[in-house]
C-alpha atoms as a PDB file:
ATOM      1  CA  UNK A   1     123.833  92.315 110.095  1.00  0.00           C
ATOM      2  CA  UNK A   2     121.120  94.964 110.280  1.00  0.00           C
ATOM      3  CA  UNK A   3     117.993  94.021 112.180  1.00  0.00           C
ATOM      4  CA  UNK A   4     114.504  95.271 111.399  1.00  0.00           C
ATOM      5  CA  UNK A   5     111.206  95.242 113.281  1.00  0.00           C
ATOM      6  CA  UNK A   6     107.913  94.945 111.396  1.00  0.00           C
ATOM      7  CA  UNK A   7     105.220  97.283 112.732  1.00  0.00           C
ATOM      8  CA  UNK A   8     101.488  97.656 112.129  1.00  0.00           C
ATOM      9  CA  UNK A   9      98.859 100.298 112.933  1.00  0.00           C
ATOM     10  CA  UNK A  10      95.269 100.945 111.812  1.00  0.00           C
ATOM     11  CA  UNK A  11      94.583 104.514 110.691  1.00  0.00           C
ATOM     12  CA  UNK A  12      90.973 105.698 110.617  1.00  0.00           C
ATOM     13  CA  UNK A  13      90.695 109.079 108.851  1.00  0.00           C
ATOM     14  CA  UNK A  14      87.891 111.432 109.910  1.00  0.00           C
ATOM     15  CA  UNK A  15      84.869 111.703 107.622  1.00  0.00           C
ATOM     16  CA  UNK A  16      85.707 115.353 106.919  1.00  0.00           C
ATOM     17  CA  UNK A  17      88.000 117.276 104.533  1.00  0.00           C
ATOM     18  CA  UNK A  18      90.445 116.408 103.180  1.00  0.00           C
ATOM     19  CA  UNK A  19      89.576 112.730 103.777  1.00  0.00           C
ATOM     20  CA  UNK A  20      85.890 112.770 102.837  1.00  0.00           C
ATOM     21  CA  UNK A  21      86.341 112.219  99.088  1.00  0.00           C
ATOM     22  CA  UNK A  22      86.999 109.204  96.920  1.00  0.00           C
ATOM     23  CA  UNK A  23      90.692 110.137  97.016  1.00  0.00           C
ATOM     24  CA  UNK A  24      90.968 109.534 100.780  1.00  0.00           C
ATOM     25  CA  UNK A  25      93.674 106.887 100.348  1.00  0.00           C
ATOM     26  CA  UNK A  26      95.656 109.098  97.966  1.00  0.00           C
ATOM     27  CA  UNK A  27      95.383 111.799 100.618  1.00  0.00           C
ATOM     28  CA  UNK A  28      96.876 109.466 103.234  1.00  0.00           C
ATOM     29  CA  UNK A  29      99.621 108.484 100.811  1.00  0.00           C
ATOM     30  CA  UNK A  30     100.495 112.136 100.163  1.00  0.00           C
ATOM     31  CA  UNK A  31     100.087 113.500 103.689  1.00  0.00           C
ATOM     32  CA  UNK A  32     101.558 110.600 105.678  1.00  0.00           C
ATOM     33  CA  UNK A  33     103.276 107.856 103.701  1.00  0.00           C
ATOM     34  CA  UNK A  34     105.208 110.063 101.261  1.00  0.00           C
ATOM     35  CA  UNK A  35     106.984 112.248 103.856  1.00  0.00           C
ATOM     36  CA  UNK A  36     107.722 109.235 106.064  1.00  0.00           C
ATOM     37  CA  UNK A  37     109.194 107.278 103.170  1.00  0.00           C
ATOM     38  CA  UNK A  38     111.285 110.212 101.998  1.00  0.00           C
ATOM     39  CA  UNK A  39     112.670 110.734 105.517  1.00  0.00           C
ATOM     40  CA  UNK A  40     113.306 107.082 106.423  1.00  0.00           C
ATOM     41  CA  UNK A  41     113.842 105.386 103.050  1.00  0.00           C
ATOM     42  CA  UNK A  42     117.383 104.251 103.898  1.00  0.00           C
ATOM     43  CA  UNK A  43     116.148 102.802 107.206  1.00  0.00           C
ATOM     44  CA  UNK A  44     113.228 100.816 105.805  1.00  0.00           C
ATOM     45  CA  UNK A  45     113.175  97.277 104.488  1.00  0.00           C
ATOM     46  CA  UNK A  46     109.618  97.756 103.267  1.00  0.00           C
ATOM     47  CA  UNK A  47     106.599  99.985 103.852  1.00  0.00           C
ATOM     48  CA  UNK A  48     103.010  99.678 102.719  1.00  0.00           C
ATOM     49  CA  UNK A  49      99.345 100.415 103.282  1.00  0.00           C
ATOM     50  CA  UNK A  50      96.230  98.471 102.383  1.00  0.00           C
ATOM     51  CA  UNK A  51      92.713  99.914 102.465  1.00  0.00           C
ATOM     52  CA  UNK A  52      89.598  98.406 104.035  1.00  0.00           C
ATOM     53  CA  UNK A  53      85.976  99.506 104.222  1.00  0.00           C
ATOM     54  CA  UNK A  54      82.556  98.092 104.858  1.00  0.00           C
ATOM     55  CA  UNK A  55      79.531  98.120 107.118  1.00  0.00           C
ATOM     56  CA  UNK A  56      80.392  98.829 110.732  1.00  0.00           C
ATOM     57  CA  UNK A  57      80.903  96.698 112.714  1.00  0.00           C
ATOM     58  CA  UNK A  58      79.948  93.642 110.657  1.00  0.00           C
ATOM     59  CA  UNK A  59      82.843  93.624 108.177  1.00  0.00           C
ATOM     60  CA  UNK A  60      85.479  92.810 110.790  1.00  0.00           C
ATOM     61  CA  UNK A  61      85.586  91.224 114.219  1.00  0.00           C
ATOM     62  CA  UNK A  62      86.355  94.459 116.035  1.00  0.00           C
ATOM     63  CA  UNK A  63      88.113  94.477 119.384  1.00  0.00           C
ATOM     64  CA  UNK A  64      87.714  98.250 119.737  1.00  0.00           C
ATOM     65  CA  UNK A  65      85.022 100.865 119.109  1.00  0.00           C
ATOM     66  CA  UNK A  66      85.360 103.492 116.390  1.00  0.00           C
ATOM     67  CA  UNK A  67      84.165 107.014 117.358  1.00  0.00           C
ATOM     68  CA  UNK A  68      81.155 108.290 115.373  1.00  0.00           C
ATOM     69  CA  UNK A  69      83.116 111.076 113.680  1.00  0.00           C
ATOM     70  CA  UNK A  70      85.089 108.357 111.866  1.00  0.00           C
ATOM     71  CA  UNK A  71      81.990 106.568 110.587  1.00  0.00           C
ATOM     72  CA  UNK A  72      79.700 107.484 107.712  1.00  0.00           C
ATOM     73  CA  UNK A  73      75.981 107.003 107.363  1.00  0.00           C
ATOM     74  CA  UNK A  74      74.533 104.821 104.618  1.00  0.00           C
ATOM     75  CA  UNK A  75      71.415 102.899 103.758  1.00  0.00           C
ATOM     76  CA  UNK A  76      71.609  99.174 103.175  1.00  0.00           C
ATOM     77  CA  UNK A  77      70.218  97.571 100.014  1.00  0.00           C
ATOM     78  CA  UNK A  78      67.066  96.951 102.054  1.00  0.00           C
ATOM     79  CA  UNK A  79      66.782 100.670 102.830  1.00  0.00           C
ATOM     80  CA  UNK A  80      67.764 100.346 106.483  1.00  0.00           C
ATOM     81  CA  UNK A  81      70.069 102.939 108.098  1.00  0.00           C
ATOM     82  CA  UNK A  82      73.571 101.686 108.822  1.00  0.00           C
ATOM     83  CA  UNK A  83      77.143 102.880 109.239  1.00  0.00           C
ATOM     84  CA  UNK A  84      80.280 102.302 107.248  1.00  0.00           C
ATOM     85  CA  UNK A  85      83.933 102.510 108.196  1.00  0.00           C
ATOM     86  CA  UNK A  86      87.211 103.102 106.376  1.00  0.00           C
ATOM     87  CA  UNK A  87      90.771 102.541 107.494  1.00  0.00           C
ATOM     88  CA  UNK A  88      94.199 101.662 106.176  1.00  0.00           C
ATOM     89  CA  UNK A  89      96.535  99.123 107.675  1.00  0.00           C
ATOM     90  CA  UNK A  90      99.913 100.871 107.684  1.00  0.00           C
ATOM     91  CA  UNK A  91     102.833  98.476 107.991  1.00  0.00           C
ATOM     92  CA  UNK A  92     106.551  99.087 107.923  1.00  0.00           C
ATOM     93  CA  UNK A  93     109.717  97.108 108.544  1.00  0.00           C
ATOM     94  CA  UNK A  94     111.997  99.611 110.248  1.00  0.00           C
ATOM     95  CA  UNK A  95     115.663  99.428 111.233  1.00  0.00           C
ATOM     96  CA  UNK A  96     115.740  98.782 114.964  1.00  0.00           C
ATOM     97  CA  UNK A  97     117.996 101.721 115.790  1.00  0.00           C
ATOM     98  CA  UNK A  98     115.501 104.242 114.391  1.00  0.00           C
ATOM     99  CA  UNK A  99     112.278 102.367 115.178  1.00  0.00           C
ATOM    100  CA  UNK A 100     111.364 104.507 118.200  1.00  0.00           C
ATOM    101  CA  UNK A 101     112.038 107.731 116.282  1.00  0.00           C
ATOM    102  CA  UNK A 102     110.003 106.484 113.301  1.00  0.00           C
ATOM    103  CA  UNK A 103     107.034 105.671 115.531  1.00  0.00           C
ATOM    104  CA  UNK A 104     107.194 109.020 117.348  1.00  0.00           C
ATOM    105  CA  UNK A 105     107.468 111.044 114.137  1.00  0.00           C
ATOM    106  CA  UNK A 106     104.686 109.118 112.403  1.00  0.00           C
ATOM    107  CA  UNK A 107     102.382 109.486 115.402  1.00  0.00           C
ATOM    108  CA  UNK A 108     102.882 113.253 115.222  1.00  0.00           C
ATOM    109  CA  UNK A 109     101.677 113.168 111.609  1.00  0.00           C
ATOM    110  CA  UNK A 110      98.720 110.974 112.595  1.00  0.00           C
ATOM    111  CA  UNK A 111      97.774 113.423 115.330  1.00  0.00           C
ATOM    112  CA  UNK A 112      98.031 116.451 113.039  1.00  0.00           C
ATOM    113  CA  UNK A 113      95.748 114.689 110.544  1.00  0.00           C
ATOM    114  CA  UNK A 114      93.302 113.871 113.391  1.00  0.00           C
ATOM    115  CA  UNK A 115      93.368 110.149 112.679  1.00  0.00           C
ATOM    116  CA  UNK A 116      91.880 107.642 115.078  1.00  0.00           C
ATOM    117  CA  UNK A 117      94.263 104.751 115.776  1.00  0.00           C
ATOM    118  CA  UNK A 118      93.641 101.295 117.100  1.00  0.00           C
ATOM    119  CA  UNK A 119      94.249 101.282 120.880  1.00  0.00           C
ATOM    120  CA  UNK A 120      97.952 101.115 121.625  1.00  0.00           C
ATOM    121  CA  UNK A 121      98.990 102.467 118.237  1.00  0.00           C
ATOM    122  CA  UNK A 122     101.981 100.817 116.635  1.00  0.00           C
ATOM    123  CA  UNK A 123     102.415  97.133 117.430  1.00  0.00           C
ATOM    124  CA  UNK A 124     104.714  94.415 116.121  1.00  0.00           C
ATOM    125  CA  UNK A 125     103.464  92.742 112.949  1.00  0.00           C
ATOM    126  CA  UNK A 126     104.096  88.965 112.748  1.00  0.00           C
ATOM    127  CA  UNK A 127     105.290  88.828 109.141  1.00  0.00           C
ATOM    128  CA  UNK A 128     105.441  85.052 108.696  1.00  0.00           C
ATOM    129  CA  UNK A 129     102.200  84.469 110.584  1.00  0.00           C
ATOM    130  CA  UNK A 130     100.464  87.212 108.591  1.00  0.00           C
ATOM    131  CA  UNK A 131     101.936  86.649 105.121  1.00  0.00           C
ATOM    132  CA  UNK A 132     103.360  83.121 105.263  1.00  0.00           C
ATOM    133  CA  UNK A 133     100.249  81.335 106.488  1.00  0.00           C
ATOM    134  CA  UNK A 134      98.145  78.825 104.528  1.00  0.00           C
ATOM    135  CA  UNK A 135      96.376  81.638 102.706  1.00  0.00           C
ATOM    136  CA  UNK A 136      99.642  82.415 100.919  1.00  0.00           C
ATOM    137  CA  UNK A 137     101.664  79.186 100.987  1.00  0.00           C
ATOM    138  CA  UNK A 138     100.679  75.537 101.086  1.00  0.00           C
ATOM    139  CA  UNK A 139     100.807  73.969 104.532  1.00  0.00           C
ATOM    140  CA  UNK A 140     103.143  71.228 103.292  1.00  0.00           C
ATOM    141  CA  UNK A 141     105.933  73.715 102.565  1.00  0.00           C
ATOM    142  CA  UNK A 142     108.820  73.939 105.062  1.00  0.00           C
ATOM    143  CA  UNK A 143     109.268  76.875 107.420  1.00  0.00           C
ATOM    144  CA  UNK A 144     112.017  78.356 105.238  1.00  0.00           C
ATOM    145  CA  UNK A 145     109.599  78.502 102.301  1.00  0.00           C
ATOM    146  CA  UNK A 146     106.973  80.245 104.451  1.00  0.00           C
ATOM    147  CA  UNK A 147     109.497  82.842 105.581  1.00  0.00           C
ATOM    148  CA  UNK A 148     110.656  83.429 102.006  1.00  0.00           C
ATOM    149  CA  UNK A 149     107.094  83.715 100.675  1.00  0.00           C
ATOM    150  CA  UNK A 150     106.147  86.166 103.422  1.00  0.00           C
ATOM    151  CA  UNK A 151     109.097  88.406 102.564  1.00  0.00           C
ATOM    152  CA  UNK A 152     108.299  88.289  98.836  1.00  0.00           C
ATOM    153  CA  UNK A 153     104.698  89.324  99.489  1.00  0.00           C
ATOM    154  CA  UNK A 154     105.783  92.151 101.791  1.00  0.00           C
ATOM    155  CA  UNK A 155     108.157  93.389  99.085  1.00  0.00           C
ATOM    156  CA  UNK A 156     105.472  93.003  96.403  1.00  0.00           C
ATOM    157  CA  UNK A 157     103.076  95.306  98.251  1.00  0.00           C
ATOM    158  CA  UNK A 158     105.974  97.645  99.093  1.00  0.00           C
ATOM    159  CA  UNK A 159     106.742  98.188  95.408  1.00  0.00           C
ATOM    160  CA  UNK A 160     103.035  98.546  94.668  1.00  0.00           C
ATOM    161  CA  UNK A 161     102.935 101.427  97.153  1.00  0.00           C
ATOM    162  CA  UNK A 162     106.087 102.928  95.623  1.00  0.00           C
ATOM    163  CA  UNK A 163     104.301 102.896  92.250  1.00  0.00           C
ATOM    164  CA  UNK A 164     101.387 104.696  93.899  1.00  0.00           C
ATOM    165  CA  UNK A 165     103.713 107.301  95.430  1.00  0.00           C
ATOM    166  CA  UNK A 166     105.355 107.871  92.045  1.00  0.00           C
ATOM    167  CA  UNK A 167     101.946 108.613  90.524  1.00  0.00           C
ATOM    168  CA  UNK A 168     100.795 111.148  93.126  1.00  0.00           C
ATOM    169  CA  UNK A 169     100.025 114.706  92.067  1.00  0.00           C
ATOM    170  CA  UNK A 170      99.014 117.535  94.415  1.00  0.00           C
ATOM    171  CA  UNK A 171      96.460 120.168  93.451  1.00  0.00           C
ATOM    172  CA  UNK A 172      96.645 123.807  94.466  1.00  0.00           C
ATOM    173  CA  UNK A 173      94.171 123.175  97.295  1.00  0.00           C
ATOM    174  CA  UNK A 174      96.489 120.552  98.804  1.00  0.00           C
ATOM    175  CA  UNK A 175      94.501 117.508  97.708  1.00  0.00           C
ATOM    176  CA  UNK A 176      96.339 114.470  96.362  1.00  0.00           C
ATOM    177  CA  UNK A 177      95.305 112.445  93.309  1.00  0.00           C
ATOM    178  CA  UNK A 178      96.851 109.836  91.054  1.00  0.00           C
ATOM    179  CA  UNK A 179      98.041 111.135  87.710  1.00  0.00           C
ATOM    180  CA  UNK A 180      95.473 110.632  84.901  1.00  0.00           C
ATOM    181  CA  UNK A 181      96.233 108.406  81.937  1.00  0.00           C
ATOM    182  CA  UNK A 182      94.301 108.555  78.667  1.00  0.00           C
ATOM    183  CA  UNK A 183      96.100 105.766  76.828  1.00  0.00           C
ATOM    184  CA  UNK A 184      93.689 103.494  74.983  1.00  0.00           C
ATOM    185  CA  UNK A 185      94.899 100.559  77.068  1.00  0.00           C
ATOM    186  CA  UNK A 186      93.661 102.295  80.215  1.00  0.00           C
ATOM    187  CA  UNK A 187      89.962 103.059  79.702  1.00  0.00           C
ATOM    188  CA  UNK A 188      89.587 103.534  83.467  1.00  0.00           C
ATOM    189  CA  UNK A 189      91.979 106.485  83.248  1.00  0.00           C
ATOM    190  CA  UNK A 190      94.849 105.022  85.284  1.00  0.00           C
ATOM    191  CA  UNK A 191      98.105 103.295  84.388  1.00  0.00           C
ATOM    192  CA  UNK A 192      97.414 100.838  87.215  1.00  0.00           C
ATOM    193  CA  UNK A 193      95.029  99.136  84.801  1.00  0.00           C
ATOM    194  CA  UNK A 194      97.974  98.190  82.582  1.00  0.00           C
ATOM    195  CA  UNK A 195     100.002  97.141  85.626  1.00  0.00           C
ATOM    196  CA  UNK A 196      97.171  94.844  86.707  1.00  0.00           C
ATOM    197  CA  UNK A 197      97.018  93.514  83.142  1.00  0.00           C
ATOM    198  CA  UNK A 198     100.719  92.618  83.290  1.00  0.00           C
ATOM    199  CA  UNK A 199     100.217  90.898  86.633  1.00  0.00           C
ATOM    200  CA  UNK A 200      97.304  88.892  85.254  1.00  0.00           C
ATOM    201  CA  UNK A 201      99.274  87.979  82.132  1.00  0.00           C
ATOM    202  CA  UNK A 202     102.165  86.760  84.253  1.00  0.00           C
ATOM    203  CA  UNK A 203     100.110  84.185  86.141  1.00  0.00           C
ATOM    204  CA  UNK A 204      96.885  83.841  84.110  1.00  0.00           C
ATOM    205  CA  UNK A 205      94.704  84.614  87.133  1.00  0.00           C
ATOM    206  CA  UNK A 206      91.038  85.240  86.247  1.00  0.00           C
ATOM    207  CA  UNK A 207      88.968  87.856  88.040  1.00  0.00           C
ATOM    208  CA  UNK A 208      85.830  86.585  89.773  1.00  0.00           C
ATOM    209  CA  UNK A 209      82.791  88.758  90.328  1.00  0.00           C
ATOM    210  CA  UNK A 210      79.134  88.182  91.079  1.00  0.00           C
ATOM    211  CA  UNK A 211      75.969  89.640  89.657  1.00  0.00           C
ATOM    212  CA  UNK A 212      72.510  89.619  91.194  1.00  0.00           C
ATOM    213  CA  UNK A 213      69.041  90.890  90.423  1.00  0.00           C
ATOM    214  CA  UNK A 214      67.051  92.125  93.395  1.00  0.00           C
ATOM    215  CA  UNK A 215      64.185  94.598  93.574  1.00  0.00           C
ATOM    216  CA  UNK A 216      64.491  95.092  89.794  1.00  0.00           C
ATOM    217  CA  UNK A 217      68.113  96.226  90.191  1.00  0.00           C
ATOM    218  CA  UNK A 218      71.276  94.500  89.077  1.00  0.00           C
ATOM    219  CA  UNK A 219      74.075  94.432  91.625  1.00  0.00           C
ATOM    220  CA  UNK A 220      77.754  93.589  91.190  1.00  0.00           C
ATOM    221  CA  UNK A 221      80.236  92.566  93.846  1.00  0.00           C
ATOM    222  CA  UNK A 222      83.705  91.089  94.007  1.00  0.00           C
ATOM    223  CA  UNK A 223      84.068  87.936  96.109  1.00  0.00           C
ATOM    224  CA  UNK A 224      86.194  88.272  99.218  1.00  0.00           C
ATOM    225  CA  UNK A 225      87.402  85.322 101.264  1.00  0.00           C
ATOM    226  CA  UNK A 226      84.359  83.315 102.385  1.00  0.00           C
ATOM    227  CA  UNK A 227      81.793  86.080 102.008  1.00  0.00           C
ATOM    228  CA  UNK A 228      80.095  84.178  99.180  1.00  0.00           C
ATOM    229  CA  UNK A 229      79.474  80.735  97.793  1.00  0.00           C
ATOM    230  CA  UNK A 230      79.274  80.181  94.013  1.00  0.00           C
ATOM    231  CA  UNK A 231      75.703  79.611  92.842  1.00  0.00           C
ATOM    232  CA  UNK A 232      75.682  76.548  90.603  1.00  0.00           C
ATOM    233  CA  UNK A 233      71.939  76.645  89.988  1.00  0.00           C
ATOM    234  CA  UNK A 234      72.117  79.748  87.806  1.00  0.00           C
ATOM    235  CA  UNK A 235      73.925  79.222  84.514  1.00  0.00           C
ATOM    236  CA  UNK A 236      72.555  82.234  82.658  1.00  0.00           C
ATOM    237  CA  UNK A 237      71.135  85.683  83.261  1.00  0.00           C
ATOM    238  CA  UNK A 238      67.648  84.401  82.503  1.00  0.00           C
ATOM    239  CA  UNK A 239      68.017  81.801  85.236  1.00  0.00           C
ATOM    240  CA  UNK A 240      69.444  84.484  87.500  1.00  0.00           C
ATOM    241  CA  UNK A 241      66.334  86.601  86.973  1.00  0.00           C
ATOM    242  CA  UNK A 242      64.207  83.635  88.010  1.00  0.00           C
ATOM    243  CA  UNK A 243      66.309  83.123  91.149  1.00  0.00           C
ATOM    244  CA  UNK A 244      66.015  86.841  91.966  1.00  0.00           C
ATOM    245  CA  UNK A 245      68.004  87.045  95.208  1.00  0.00           C
ATOM    246  CA  UNK A 246      70.781  84.583  94.361  1.00  0.00           C
ATOM    247  CA  UNK A 247      74.198  85.601  93.095  1.00  0.00           C
ATOM    248  CA  UNK A 248      75.631  84.371  89.834  1.00  0.00           C
ATOM    249  CA  UNK A 249      79.423  83.968  89.875  1.00  0.00           C
ATOM    250  CA  UNK A 250      81.225  84.960  86.668  1.00  0.00           C
ATOM    251  CA  UNK A 251      84.874  84.641  85.694  1.00  0.00           C
ATOM    252  CA  UNK A 252      86.668  87.235  83.590  1.00  0.00           C
ATOM    253  CA  UNK A 253      90.114  86.914  82.037  1.00  0.00           C
ATOM    254  CA  UNK A 254      91.758  90.345  82.125  1.00  0.00           C
END
């Protein structure tokens, strides 16, 4: 029976071309993930990336420092100077016999792209601990169910990334973008909108977002983990205006 090792690395792209645009993740997919998948497809159980960004260093509990050339400058909503970060978590379940080669080859691509990596680079990714924990499966379920759920989630994101790779197009200047889509069902210009619609239809999962009025400006944000608490006091926009700095939580069926 073939044995695989799940690996994980954080890739911080520099805040410079070709990674300084809104297509920075597409650029990583085209420059890094695509050639690696094409070369090692038959030796992979799954492969995926997920993107993260936010104010540095508040968004995550960081155990390493990110060099300034990988951080961008912003102003907070209060007008104070701050910094933001971007990175992708790149994870892959690789056949043991080619794992060392896969890591060496990928690190060459990372170096050529001038990425900053978390100290130590590639490390083992605890699949069940990461994807079979109580966030993804009820604590009452047996260990076998946690292992099965973790594998399903890993495969789900794997096929999501394969969809992304299938939609990549490269411009003459070498930049990567997702193919446009002008179908009436995709007013955002991407077929991923219809894919998300199918996902939502399959499980009837509503989308939560929050709206706030502060300094005469409306703000929108999507809730993430425990970053927010629903505001029960505001039941309408008029009440929200009176509350000013509170967030009103709304639910949307896609």
